[in-house]
Amino acid sequence: MSQPNIILFMVDQLTSFVLNSYGGTVCSTPNIDKLAAHGTVFENAYCPYPLCAPSRFGMMAGRLPSQIGAYDNGAELPAATPTFAHYLRLHGYYTCIAGKMHFVGPDQYHGFEERLTTEIYPADMSWTPTPDFRDFNKDEERGYTFGVSTIDTVKDAGVVARSMQIDYDEDVIHHATRELYTRARSDDKRPFLLTVSLTQPHDPYVTTPEFWDRYNHTGIDDPQVPFIPVEDRDAHSQSLYYHYGQDKCELTNEDYRRARQGYYGMISHIDALFGRVMQALKESGLSHNTAIMFSSDHGDMIGERGMWFKKTLFNPAIQVPLIIHHPQHQPGRVSTPVSLLDVFPTICDIAGINSSDITTEIEGRSLLPSMRGEPLNGAVFAEHIDGGTSAPRVCVRDNHMKLVLSRAYPAQLYDLSADPLELNNLAGQHHPEEARLTEMAECKWSLDTLLDDVIRSQTARKLVDSALSVGRQEPWDFIPRPLEQNTRYVRRGDAFPEVERRGYLRAD
């Protein structure tokens, strides 16, 4: 088999437990279900950071976000940071991206040879949080902050004819499917890596009647963990309650039900869009030699425990779907915890790049051996450093044990085999695993200095952003180039039948 093509299909804020292949019972996702039936489902996949940009940067670099300075949604991914797109391009692949990767900074490619769409969010540093970790006060008046969801968007859940996110995702799929047909007709026979990245099902939880009406409102499930009174929550969850302004907007049971119905409708929409890409792959004659990876940058609490969105290290916010279909591998399921940091070496392995050829630092491991039934070893790590916390919080999961550690909050330790909903904190109860996981975390992160590093970075970026907003401004946002019209359509001097025939892609 020649080097296979690779499609990395990303979505935004999709928690794994709602999908049928992960035990969900309500969501309608026939196309994702089909991929899961023919691929390998990683049952315990974790993002490295429950926030868009840091998680995506970590995935592309194969390193924890804090190791590359990706502390928040206003952080730059430095152009000198190697990504899997650089490696595949170097080893003979055509690399292309359609959709969101939340790139911040003047480099809007990061190894991709071609970009088909702009970002949906700004490429400047304006979403850098104010470095006020130590000064957070729940009683102070809190106004709108760039890039921060508010609980009001839960109230917005419902039916729309269109939305910004729908417009964006439809545009992404239009360009991605056309790119597949273009590759099939092209004289460039290099294998390709096509990354297709959507912005749904990110809040607000609104969708069209077509997808809203797929669900019986009375059949929407309740959260597995009911609302926990604020005073009974762990200290960080209390901080997050005020960070999202939940104290200023009371939610009813009907609000919960509508928000979850909107979320499920959005998931059905991205499933339909995924199906369009799979159909184009089949019609282009490329499906027999293409590996497909499906995942999300992070999850969503969607009302579990009375919490919403992300920025927490509870499983609904950090467990993501990860499904890989490879033409040469049989379907299967892997229960060992894995990470989005493993995507980098896995993509390289699929492309036939030897581990010895990866000459720069990465932290993940290839998942292909596990798809052959070989055991996986090693813990997975996650972190949260952005707003809504008084100090960085870090997480270690090894086998069925999970530890959350911070200098600002009490430790949390869960035995997920006995307590999958994380209701019984075992920290401080002389559990034999607590010391071992704590040592692993202390070796992985410099928790005594990490907060100072973050504050220095955010202070510098706030200054740069303020300075660049004065006088003549040079946008970093990627603007798609005009199509090569003279090769795609009939123009002056062209022989009409010849151009028409160049556009033929014969059906099987």
Protein backbone atom coordinates (compact mmCIF):
# COMPACT_ATOMS: atom_id res chain seq x y z
CA MET A 1 0.00 0.00 0.00
CA SER A 2 1.35 3.44 -0.93
CA GLN A 3 1.44 6.28 1.56
CA PRO A 4 -2.23 6.73 2.47
CA ASN A 5 -4.08 10.00 2.32
CA ILE A 6 -5.17 11.30 5.72
CA ILE A 7 -8.27 13.27 6.69
CA LEU A 8 -8.27 14.81 10.17
CA PHE A 9 -11.84 15.89 10.89
CA MET A 10 -12.08 18.16 13.94
CA VAL A 11 -15.10 19.62 15.69
CA ASP A 12 -15.33 22.03 18.60
CA GLN A 13 -16.57 21.37 22.14
CA LEU A 14 -17.97 17.87 21.56
CA THR A 15 -17.92 15.76 24.69
CA SER A 16 -17.58 12.07 23.99
CA PHE A 17 -20.21 10.59 26.29
CA VAL A 18 -23.17 11.87 24.21
CA LEU A 19 -22.19 9.82 21.14
CA ASN A 20 -23.68 6.37 20.58
CA SER A 21 -20.22 4.86 20.20
CA TYR A 22 -19.40 6.14 23.70
CA GLY A 23 -22.59 5.00 25.41
CA GLY A 24 -24.92 7.88 24.52
CA THR A 25 -28.56 7.05 23.90
CA VAL A 26 -30.14 10.25 22.55
CA CYS A 27 -27.90 11.81 19.91
CA SER A 28 -28.53 10.96 16.23
CA THR A 29 -25.18 10.60 14.43
CA PRO A 30 -25.41 7.94 11.71
CA ASN A 31 -22.24 9.00 9.89
CA ILE A 32 -20.07 9.10 13.01
CA ASP A 33 -21.61 5.78 14.07
CA LYS A 34 -20.61 4.28 10.73
CA LEU A 35 -17.03 5.49 11.14
CA ALA A 36 -16.93 4.00 14.65
CA ALA A 37 -18.25 0.67 13.36
CA HIS A 38 -15.46 0.48 10.77
CA GLY A 39 -12.68 2.07 12.82
CA THR A 40 -11.02 2.02 16.22
CA VAL A 41 -12.83 3.83 19.04
CA PHE A 42 -10.56 5.16 21.77
CA GLU A 43 -12.90 5.04 24.73
CA ASN A 44 -10.88 7.26 27.05
CA ALA A 45 -9.36 10.03 24.94
CA TYR A 46 -8.40 13.29 26.62
CA CYS A 47 -7.65 16.76 25.36
CA PRO A 48 -4.52 18.40 26.80
CA TYR A 49 -6.38 21.59 27.81
CA PRO A 50 -10.14 22.34 28.01
CA LEU A 51 -9.96 25.42 25.76
CA CYS A 52 -9.84 25.81 21.98
CA ALA A 53 -6.50 27.34 21.00
CA PRO A 54 -4.24 25.71 23.62
CA SER A 55 -5.70 22.26 22.96
CA ARG A 56 -5.34 22.58 19.19
CA PHE A 57 -1.80 23.96 19.44
CA GLY A 58 -0.83 21.11 21.75
CA MET A 59 -2.33 18.57 19.35
CA MET A 60 -0.53 20.04 16.34
CA ALA A 61 2.79 20.24 18.18
CA GLY A 62 2.45 16.96 20.08
CA ARG A 63 3.33 18.79 23.30
CA LEU A 64 1.51 20.08 26.35
CA PRO A 65 0.32 23.63 25.66
CA SER A 66 2.29 25.04 28.60
CA GLN A 67 5.47 23.64 27.06
CA ILE A 68 5.02 25.87 23.99
CA GLY A 69 3.59 28.93 25.75
CA ALA A 70 -0.01 28.26 24.62
CA TYR A 71 -1.48 29.47 27.89
CA ASP A 72 -4.83 30.80 26.63
CA ASN A 73 -6.89 31.73 23.55
CA GLY A 74 -4.77 34.83 22.92
CA ALA A 75 -1.45 32.96 22.84
CA GLU A 76 0.65 32.74 19.71
CA LEU A 77 1.72 29.43 18.25
CA PRO A 78 5.32 30.36 17.35
CA ALA A 79 6.27 29.80 13.72
CA ALA A 80 9.35 27.86 14.86
CA THR A 81 7.22 25.23 16.60
CA PRO A 82 7.24 22.07 14.45
CA THR A 83 3.81 20.55 13.76
CA PHE A 84 2.68 17.33 12.15
CA ALA A 85 1.92 19.39 9.02
CA HIS A 86 5.59 20.36 8.76
CA TYR A 87 6.68 16.73 9.04
CA LEU A 88 4.22 15.40 6.49
CA ARG A 89 5.04 18.18 4.06
CA LEU A 90 8.73 17.39 4.44
CA HIS A 91 8.02 13.73 3.70
CA GLY A 92 6.14 14.23 0.45
CA TYR A 93 2.59 15.10 1.49
CA TYR A 94 0.39 17.89 0.21
CA THR A 95 -0.96 19.49 3.38
CA CYS A 96 -4.16 21.52 3.39
CA ILE A 97 -6.54 22.93 6.01
CA ALA A 98 -10.16 24.04 5.73
CA GLY A 99 -11.67 25.61 8.82
CA LYS A 100 -10.76 26.58 12.33
CA MET A 101 -7.47 25.93 14.05
CA HIS A 102 -7.54 29.14 16.11
CA PHE A 103 -4.06 30.20 14.93
CA VAL A 104 -2.87 33.38 16.64
CA GLY A 105 0.02 35.35 15.20
CA PRO A 106 1.38 36.27 11.77
CA ASP A 107 2.01 32.63 10.77
CA GLN A 108 -1.40 31.38 9.67
CA TYR A 109 -0.16 28.16 8.03
CA HIS A 110 2.10 26.29 10.49
CA GLY A 111 3.19 23.75 7.90
CA PHE A 112 0.04 23.61 5.81
CA GLU A 113 0.79 24.24 2.16
CA GLU A 114 -2.69 25.53 1.47
CA ARG A 115 -5.50 27.15 3.44
CA LEU A 116 -9.00 27.21 2.03
CA THR A 117 -10.86 29.37 4.58
CA THR A 118 -10.19 32.07 7.10
CA GLU A 119 -10.42 31.56 10.85
CA ILE A 120 -13.69 32.26 12.63
CA TYR A 121 -11.90 34.00 15.53
CA PRO A 122 -9.30 36.80 15.50
CA ALA A 123 -5.67 36.03 14.72
CA ASP A 124 -4.39 38.89 16.90
CA MET A 125 -3.71 38.79 20.64
CA SER A 126 -6.87 40.64 21.67
CA TRP A 127 -8.26 37.55 23.42
CA THR A 128 -5.34 37.50 25.86
CA PRO A 129 -6.88 37.48 29.35
CA THR A 130 -5.99 40.19 31.83
CA PRO A 131 -3.37 38.60 34.14
CA ASP A 132 -5.41 38.98 37.33
CA PHE A 133 -5.37 35.43 38.68
CA ARG A 134 -4.54 36.44 42.23
CA ASP A 135 -7.08 39.28 42.28
CA PHE A 136 -10.26 37.39 41.36
CA ASN A 137 -13.20 38.53 43.50
CA LYS A 138 -16.64 37.04 42.96
CA ASP A 139 -18.31 40.10 44.46
CA GLU A 140 -16.83 42.56 41.96
CA GLU A 141 -18.87 43.64 38.95
CA ARG A 142 -17.77 41.60 35.95
CA GLY A 143 -18.33 42.86 32.45
CA TYR A 144 -18.07 41.18 29.06
CA THR A 145 -14.63 39.72 28.33
CA PHE A 146 -13.40 38.95 24.82
CA GLY A 147 -13.47 35.25 24.06
CA VAL A 148 -15.32 34.20 27.22
CA SER A 149 -18.68 32.47 27.00
CA THR A 150 -21.37 33.64 29.40
CA ILE A 151 -24.28 31.72 30.82
CA ASP A 152 -26.61 33.94 28.77
CA THR A 153 -25.84 31.80 25.73
CA VAL A 154 -27.53 28.87 27.48
CA LYS A 155 -30.70 30.96 27.64
CA ASP A 156 -30.34 31.60 23.88
CA ALA A 157 -30.76 27.91 23.04
CA GLY A 158 -33.36 27.34 20.37
CA VAL A 159 -34.15 27.35 16.66
CA VAL A 160 -32.56 29.71 14.13
CA ALA A 161 -32.68 29.94 10.36
CA ARG A 162 -28.94 30.65 10.25
CA SER A 163 -26.12 31.55 12.61
CA MET A 164 -22.52 32.64 12.27
CA GLN A 165 -21.34 29.14 13.15
CA ILE A 166 -23.67 27.50 10.64
CA ASP A 167 -22.45 29.87 7.91
CA TYR A 168 -18.83 29.13 8.78
CA ASP A 169 -19.18 25.35 8.92
CA GLU A 170 -21.13 25.19 5.67
CA ASP A 171 -18.39 27.23 4.00
CA VAL A 172 -15.69 24.94 5.40
CA ILE A 173 -17.42 21.82 4.09
CA HIS A 174 -18.01 23.41 0.67
CA HIS A 175 -14.29 24.09 0.30
CA ALA A 176 -13.20 20.76 1.79
CA THR A 177 -15.39 18.63 -0.50
CA ARG A 178 -14.34 20.62 -3.55
CA GLU A 179 -10.72 20.12 -2.55
CA LEU A 180 -11.23 16.35 -2.55
CA TYR A 181 -12.63 16.45 -6.07
CA THR A 182 -9.76 18.72 -7.11
CA ARG A 183 -7.17 16.31 -5.70
CA ALA A 184 -8.78 13.43 -7.58
CA ARG A 185 -8.50 15.36 -10.88
CA SER A 186 -5.06 16.83 -10.20
CA ASP A 187 -1.81 15.89 -11.88
CA ASP A 188 -0.20 16.28 -8.44
CA LYS A 189 -0.24 12.70 -7.21
CA ARG A 190 1.30 13.34 -3.82
CA PRO A 191 -0.62 11.82 -0.90
CA PHE A 192 -2.49 14.47 1.04
CA LEU A 193 -3.26 15.47 4.59
CA LEU A 194 -6.57 17.36 4.65
CA THR A 195 -7.60 18.86 7.97
CA VAL A 196 -11.27 19.80 8.12
CA SER A 197 -12.19 21.71 11.27
CA LEU A 198 -15.65 22.94 12.28
CA THR A 199 -16.77 25.35 15.00
CA GLN A 200 -19.91 23.49 16.12
CA PRO A 201 -21.21 22.23 18.55
CA HIS A 202 -19.67 25.15 20.46
CA ASP A 203 -22.19 27.26 22.38
CA PRO A 204 -24.57 29.06 21.85
CA TYR A 205 -26.75 26.00 21.47
CA VAL A 206 -28.76 27.04 18.42
CA THR A 207 -29.54 25.06 15.30
CA THR A 208 -31.92 24.97 12.35
CA PRO A 209 -35.41 23.42 12.46
CA GLU A 210 -34.11 20.46 10.45
CA PHE A 211 -31.83 19.38 13.28
CA TRP A 212 -33.79 20.75 16.26
CA ASP A 213 -36.84 18.76 15.17
CA ARG A 214 -34.91 15.50 15.08
CA TYR A 215 -35.37 15.38 18.84
CA ASN A 216 -38.48 14.98 20.93
CA HIS A 217 -38.21 17.71 23.53
CA THR A 218 -39.62 15.48 26.25
CA GLY A 219 -37.08 12.80 25.38
CA ILE A 220 -34.04 14.94 26.11
CA ASP A 221 -32.08 13.30 28.91
CA ASP A 222 -31.30 14.98 32.22
CA PRO A 223 -27.70 15.46 33.36
CA GLN A 224 -26.20 12.31 34.86
CA VAL A 225 -25.10 14.39 37.84
CA PRO A 226 -27.86 16.80 38.96
CA PHE A 227 -27.28 20.41 39.95
CA ILE A 228 -24.87 20.71 42.87
CA PRO A 229 -25.46 23.78 45.08
CA VAL A 230 -22.62 26.25 44.67
CA GLU A 231 -21.61 26.07 48.30
CA ASP A 232 -21.24 22.29 48.03
CA ARG A 233 -18.97 22.38 44.98
CA ASP A 234 -15.20 22.12 45.03
CA ALA A 235 -13.40 25.46 45.34
CA HIS A 236 -12.49 25.77 41.68
CA SER A 237 -16.01 24.96 40.47
CA GLN A 238 -17.22 27.76 42.71
CA SER A 239 -14.79 30.17 41.01
CA LEU A 240 -15.95 29.02 37.57
CA TYR A 241 -19.59 29.61 38.54
CA TYR A 242 -18.84 33.32 38.95
CA HIS A 243 -16.40 33.44 36.02
CA TYR A 244 -19.20 32.49 33.62
CA GLY A 245 -21.67 34.86 35.30
CA GLN A 246 -23.92 32.03 36.38
CA ASP A 247 -24.79 33.96 39.53
CA LYS A 248 -26.43 36.62 37.34
CA CYS A 249 -28.67 34.33 35.29
CA GLU A 250 -30.89 31.71 36.91
CA LEU A 251 -31.50 28.65 34.75
CA THR A 252 -34.65 26.57 34.91
CA ASN A 253 -35.07 22.87 34.13
CA GLU A 254 -36.59 23.97 30.83
CA ASP A 255 -33.41 25.96 30.05
CA TYR A 256 -31.35 22.83 30.66
CA ARG A 257 -33.54 20.75 28.40
CA ARG A 258 -33.55 23.30 25.57
CA ALA A 259 -29.79 23.79 25.75
CA ARG A 260 -29.16 20.06 25.54
CA GLN A 261 -31.63 19.74 22.67
CA GLY A 262 -29.80 22.53 20.84
CA TYR A 263 -26.46 20.86 21.55
CA TYR A 264 -27.70 17.54 20.19
CA GLY A 265 -29.13 19.29 17.13
CA MET A 266 -25.75 20.89 16.46
CA ILE A 267 -24.09 17.49 16.78
CA SER A 268 -26.53 16.05 14.24
CA HIS A 269 -25.60 18.94 11.96
CA ILE A 270 -21.87 18.30 12.18
CA ASP A 271 -22.61 14.61 11.62
CA ALA A 272 -24.40 15.50 8.38
CA LEU A 273 -21.46 17.71 7.34
CA PHE A 274 -19.04 14.89 8.11
CA GLY A 275 -21.20 12.65 5.95
CA ARG A 276 -20.82 15.07 3.04
CA VAL A 277 -17.04 14.83 3.28
CA MET A 278 -17.20 11.04 3.42
CA GLN A 279 -19.47 11.01 0.36
CA ALA A 280 -17.09 13.27 -1.56
CA LEU A 281 -14.19 11.01 -0.57
CA LYS A 282 -16.07 8.01 -1.96
CA GLU A 283 -17.14 9.76 -5.17
CA SER A 284 -13.60 10.99 -5.78
CA GLY A 285 -12.32 7.40 -5.73
CA LEU A 286 -9.96 8.08 -2.83
CA SER A 287 -11.64 6.25 0.05
CA HIS A 288 -9.77 2.95 -0.44
CA ASN A 289 -6.45 4.60 0.42
CA THR A 290 -7.42 7.21 2.99
CA ALA A 291 -7.12 7.08 6.78
CA ILE A 292 -9.70 9.10 8.70
CA MET A 293 -9.39 10.56 12.18
CA PHE A 294 -12.36 12.16 13.96
CA SER A 295 -12.02 14.14 17.17
CA SER A 296 -12.83 17.34 19.07
CA ASP A 297 -10.59 19.92 20.70
CA HIS A 298 -12.33 19.55 24.10
CA GLY A 299 -15.69 18.72 25.61
CA ASP A 300 -18.58 20.56 27.27
CA MET A 301 -20.17 20.13 30.70
CA ILE A 302 -23.67 20.69 29.14
CA GLY A 303 -25.29 21.07 32.54
CA GLU A 304 -23.57 18.21 34.34
CA ARG A 305 -23.26 19.13 38.04
CA GLY A 306 -24.96 22.42 37.10
CA MET A 307 -21.85 23.42 35.09
CA TRP A 308 -21.50 24.56 31.48
CA PHE A 309 -18.88 24.94 28.78
CA LYS A 310 -15.27 24.07 29.64
CA LYS A 311 -12.27 25.34 31.70
CA THR A 312 -12.72 22.53 34.21
CA LEU A 313 -10.92 19.22 34.50
CA PHE A 314 -14.01 17.12 35.11
CA ASN A 315 -14.33 14.43 32.46
CA PRO A 316 -17.19 15.91 30.37
CA ALA A 317 -14.95 18.90 29.59
CA ILE A 318 -11.74 17.01 28.83
CA GLN A 319 -12.84 13.65 27.42
CA VAL A 320 -13.25 13.81 23.66
CA PRO A 321 -14.15 11.38 20.91
CA LEU A 322 -11.19 9.92 19.04
CA ILE A 323 -12.05 7.50 16.25
CA ILE A 324 -9.51 6.32 13.67
CA HIS A 325 -10.32 4.36 10.54
CA HIS A 326 -7.32 2.95 8.66
CA PRO A 327 -7.82 0.81 5.54
CA GLN A 328 -5.29 -1.75 6.80
CA HIS A 329 -6.66 -2.13 10.34
CA GLN A 330 -9.65 -4.03 11.63
CA PRO A 331 -12.33 -2.31 13.74
CA GLY A 332 -11.83 -2.33 17.47
CA ARG A 333 -12.03 -0.51 20.76
CA VAL A 334 -9.20 0.66 23.04
CA SER A 335 -9.94 1.41 26.69
CA THR A 336 -6.46 2.61 27.70
CA PRO A 337 -6.38 6.40 28.26
CA VAL A 338 -4.93 8.32 25.31
CA SER A 339 -4.44 11.99 24.48
CA LEU A 340 -4.76 14.40 21.58
CA LEU A 341 -0.99 14.75 22.01
CA ASP A 342 -0.86 11.27 20.44
CA VAL A 343 -2.34 12.59 17.18
CA PHE A 344 1.04 14.00 15.99
CA PRO A 345 3.02 10.72 16.19
CA THR A 346 0.00 8.71 14.99
CA ILE A 347 -0.38 10.81 11.84
CA CYS A 348 3.35 10.53 11.22
CA ASP A 349 3.18 6.76 11.70
CA ILE A 350 0.27 6.49 9.25
CA ALA A 351 2.35 8.47 6.74
CA GLY A 352 5.24 6.03 7.11
CA ILE A 353 7.50 8.46 8.95
CA ASN A 354 9.77 6.53 11.29
CA SER A 355 10.02 7.66 14.89
CA SER A 356 13.75 8.20 14.30
CA ASP A 357 12.84 10.82 11.68
CA ILE A 358 11.00 12.90 14.31
CA THR A 359 14.01 14.91 15.39
CA THR A 360 12.20 17.50 17.51
CA GLU A 361 10.58 17.09 20.91
CA ILE A 362 7.11 15.55 21.21
CA GLU A 363 5.30 14.02 24.18
CA GLY A 364 2.77 11.68 22.54
CA ARG A 365 3.03 8.14 21.20
CA SER A 366 1.66 6.52 18.07
CA LEU A 367 -1.69 4.80 18.52
CA LEU A 368 -1.27 2.46 15.55
CA PRO A 369 0.20 -0.38 17.68
CA SER A 370 -2.92 -0.32 19.88
CA MET A 371 -5.04 -0.65 16.73
CA ARG A 372 -3.19 -3.92 16.10
CA GLY A 373 -4.05 -5.13 19.60
CA GLU A 374 -0.73 -4.24 21.23
CA PRO A 375 -0.91 -2.79 24.77
CA LEU A 376 -0.45 0.92 25.44
CA ASN A 377 1.43 2.17 28.47
CA GLY A 378 1.82 5.54 30.08
CA ALA A 379 -0.28 8.19 31.77
CA VAL A 380 -2.05 11.07 30.04
CA PHE A 381 -1.83 14.70 31.17
CA ALA A 382 -4.08 17.74 30.94
CA GLU A 383 -3.89 21.29 32.25
CA HIS A 384 -5.96 24.43 32.69
CA ILE A 385 -4.32 27.83 33.09
CA ASP A 386 -6.80 30.30 31.56
CA GLY A 387 -9.30 32.61 33.33
CA GLY A 388 -11.63 31.31 36.00
CA THR A 389 -8.81 29.93 38.09
CA SER A 390 -6.52 31.48 40.69
CA ALA A 391 -3.55 29.33 39.66
CA PRO A 392 -2.81 26.63 37.08
CA ARG A 393 -4.59 23.32 37.60
CA VAL A 394 -3.11 20.11 36.22
CA CYS A 395 -4.41 16.58 35.78
CA VAL A 396 -2.84 13.12 35.60
CA ARG A 397 -4.80 10.05 34.58
CA ASP A 398 -3.05 6.70 34.87
CA ASN A 399 -5.12 3.57 34.35
CA HIS A 400 -8.34 4.17 36.31
CA MET A 401 -6.97 6.78 38.73
CA LYS A 402 -7.20 10.53 38.13
CA LEU A 403 -5.56 13.33 40.10
CA VAL A 404 -6.14 17.09 39.82
CA LEU A 405 -3.52 19.28 41.48
CA SER A 406 -3.06 23.03 41.99
CA ARG A 407 -1.27 25.42 44.27
CA ALA A 408 -4.51 27.39 44.78
CA TYR A 409 -7.08 24.62 45.34
CA PRO A 410 -7.29 21.37 47.31
CA ALA A 411 -6.30 18.23 45.43
CA GLN A 412 -8.93 15.96 43.85
CA LEU A 413 -8.44 12.23 43.41
CA TYR A 414 -10.94 9.90 41.76
CA ASP A 415 -11.08 6.17 41.18
CA LEU A 416 -12.89 6.21 37.83
CA SER A 417 -13.50 2.46 37.83
CA ALA A 418 -15.68 2.75 40.94
CA ASP A 419 -16.69 6.40 40.55
CA PRO A 420 -16.94 7.33 36.84
CA LEU A 421 -18.97 10.47 37.60
CA GLU A 422 -16.27 11.85 39.92
CA LEU A 423 -18.45 12.29 42.99
CA ASN A 424 -16.16 10.91 45.69
CA ASN A 425 -12.94 12.87 46.20
CA LEU A 426 -10.37 10.49 47.72
CA ALA A 427 -7.62 13.09 48.14
CA GLY A 428 -6.25 13.35 51.65
CA GLN A 429 -7.63 9.93 52.62
CA HIS A 430 -4.29 8.09 52.44
CA HIS A 431 -5.12 6.44 49.14
CA PRO A 432 -2.00 4.55 47.98
CA GLU A 433 -2.11 6.13 44.49
CA GLU A 434 -2.21 9.77 45.58
CA ALA A 435 1.50 10.09 46.38
CA ARG A 436 2.54 8.40 43.12
CA LEU A 437 0.32 10.56 40.91
CA THR A 438 1.34 13.68 42.82
CA GLU A 439 4.99 12.91 42.13
CA MET A 440 4.19 12.42 38.44
CA ALA A 441 2.47 15.81 38.30
CA GLU A 442 5.26 17.60 40.16
CA CYS A 443 7.80 16.12 37.73
CA LYS A 444 5.73 17.14 34.69
CA TRP A 445 4.97 20.73 35.72
CA SER A 446 6.88 23.40 37.68
CA LEU A 447 3.82 24.47 39.62
CA ASP A 448 5.79 26.85 41.86
CA THR A 449 6.83 29.00 38.87
CA LEU A 450 4.25 28.28 36.15
CA LEU A 451 1.84 31.00 37.28
CA ASP A 452 4.59 33.63 37.10
CA ASP A 453 5.48 32.44 33.59
CA VAL A 454 1.85 32.80 32.51
CA ILE A 455 1.51 36.29 33.99
CA ARG A 456 4.71 37.46 32.27
CA SER A 457 3.47 36.11 28.95
CA GLN A 458 0.03 37.67 29.28
CA THR A 459 1.45 41.02 30.40
CA ALA A 460 3.77 41.12 27.37
CA ARG A 461 1.01 40.08 24.95
CA LYS A 462 -1.42 42.66 26.31
CA LEU A 463 1.22 45.35 25.71
CA VAL A 464 1.91 44.13 22.17
CA ASP A 465 -1.79 43.97 21.35
CA SER A 466 -2.38 47.49 22.69
CA ALA A 467 0.56 48.88 20.73
CA LEU A 468 -0.50 47.22 17.47
CA SER A 469 -3.98 48.71 17.77
CA VAL A 470 -2.53 52.24 17.54
CA GLY A 471 -1.97 53.88 14.14
CA ARG A 472 -1.84 51.84 10.93
CA GLN A 473 -2.92 48.29 11.62
CA GLU A 474 -1.61 45.21 9.82
CA PRO A 475 -4.13 42.35 10.27
CA TRP A 476 -2.86 38.84 10.78
CA ASP A 477 -6.18 37.26 9.84
CA PHE A 478 -5.83 34.89 6.89
CA ILE A 479 -7.71 36.03 3.79
CA PRO A 480 -8.30 33.26 1.25
CA ARG A 481 -6.67 33.92 -2.11
CA PRO A 482 -8.76 34.13 -5.29
CA LEU A 483 -9.26 30.84 -7.08
CA GLU A 484 -7.02 29.99 -9.98
CA GLN A 485 -9.83 30.80 -12.35
CA ASN A 486 -7.82 30.21 -15.54
CA THR A 487 -7.34 26.54 -14.67
CA ARG A 488 -10.81 25.86 -13.25
CA TYR A 489 -13.13 27.75 -15.59
CA VAL A 490 -13.16 28.86 -19.23
CA ARG A 491 -11.20 32.05 -19.88
CA ARG A 492 -9.80 33.98 -22.82
CA GLY A 493 -7.91 31.75 -25.24
CA ASP A 494 -9.27 28.51 -23.79
CA ALA A 495 -10.76 25.82 -25.98
CA PHE A 496 -14.17 25.26 -24.45
CA PRO A 497 -14.32 21.45 -24.71
CA GLU A 498 -10.78 21.04 -23.32
CA VAL A 499 -11.52 23.00 -20.15
CA GLU A 500 -14.81 21.18 -19.73
CA ARG A 501 -13.11 17.81 -20.01
CA ARG A 502 -10.46 18.79 -17.49
CA GLY A 503 -13.29 19.14 -15.00
CA TYR A 504 -14.66 15.64 -15.53
CA LEU A 505 -14.39 13.27 -12.59
CA ARG A 506 -15.91 10.03 -13.77
CA ALA A 507 -18.33 8.29 -11.41
CA ASP A 508 -17.57 4.71 -10.44
